[in-house]
Protein backbone atom coordinates (compact mmCIF):
# COMPACT_ATOMS: atom_id res chain seq x y z
CA UNK A 1 3.84 -8.06 6.02
CA UNK A 2 3.21 -4.58 7.23
CA UNK A 3 6.83 -3.54 7.15
CA UNK A 4 7.43 -5.85 3.67
CA UNK A 5 6.43 -2.81 1.22
CA UNK A 6 8.34 -2.49 -2.09
CA UNK A 7 8.83 1.00 -2.91
CA UNK A 8 9.76 2.65 -6.04
CA UNK A 9 11.44 6.09 -7.09
CA UNK A 10 13.02 8.78 -4.88
CA UNK A 11 9.78 9.41 -3.13
CA UNK A 12 9.55 5.78 -2.19
CA UNK A 13 6.18 5.22 -3.70
CA UNK A 14 4.67 1.81 -2.32
CA UNK A 15 4.21 -0.52 -5.24
CA UNK A 16 3.27 -3.66 -3.63
CA UNK A 17 4.21 -6.35 -1.00
CA UNK A 18 7.44 -8.00 -1.22
CA UNK A 19 6.05 -11.62 -1.49
CA UNK A 20 9.35 -13.32 -1.15
CA UNK A 21 9.21 -12.32 2.59
CA UNK A 22 5.64 -13.73 2.97
CA UNK A 23 6.73 -17.47 3.74
CA UNK A 24 9.23 -16.44 6.36
CA UNK A 25 6.87 -14.02 7.96
CA UNK A 26 4.01 -16.44 7.92
CA UNK A 27 6.22 -19.22 9.33
CA UNK A 28 7.56 -17.12 12.09
CA UNK A 29 3.81 -16.08 13.04
CA UNK A 30 2.77 -20.02 12.82
CA UNK A 31 0.26 -19.22 9.93
CA UNK A 32 -0.12 -21.49 7.22
CA UNK A 33 -0.23 -19.98 3.79
CA UNK A 34 -3.12 -21.41 1.53
CA UNK A 35 -4.50 -20.33 -1.53
CA UNK A 36 -7.41 -18.60 0.14
CA UNK A 37 -5.06 -16.89 2.62
CA UNK A 38 -2.92 -15.54 -0.45
CA UNK A 39 -5.91 -14.02 -2.34
CA UNK A 40 -7.17 -12.37 1.08
CA UNK A 41 -3.81 -10.75 1.43
CA UNK A 42 -3.53 -9.68 -2.41
CA UNK A 43 -7.00 -7.97 -1.73
CA UNK A 44 -5.92 -6.26 1.21
CA UNK A 45 -2.83 -5.08 -0.80
CA UNK A 46 -4.71 -3.69 -3.25
CA UNK A 47 -7.24 -1.97 -0.93
CA UNK A 48 -4.15 -0.55 1.06
CA UNK A 49 -2.37 0.59 -2.11
CA UNK A 50 -5.56 2.60 -3.23
CA UNK A 51 -5.84 4.08 0.19
CA UNK A 52 -1.78 4.98 0.28
CA UNK A 53 -2.25 6.68 -3.27
CA UNK A 54 -5.32 8.58 -2.73
């Protein structure tokens, strides 16, 4: 998902991951998406956005 960041504005500010791409990325990687995994991805997304916006 590292290349699946949505960006906004002329400066391309990251706003979050493109969740529509997640099933494709997971399937290609042999990963089974579960509710727990999705929660973990959301946590990592929040942390990454905080670091990018700091």
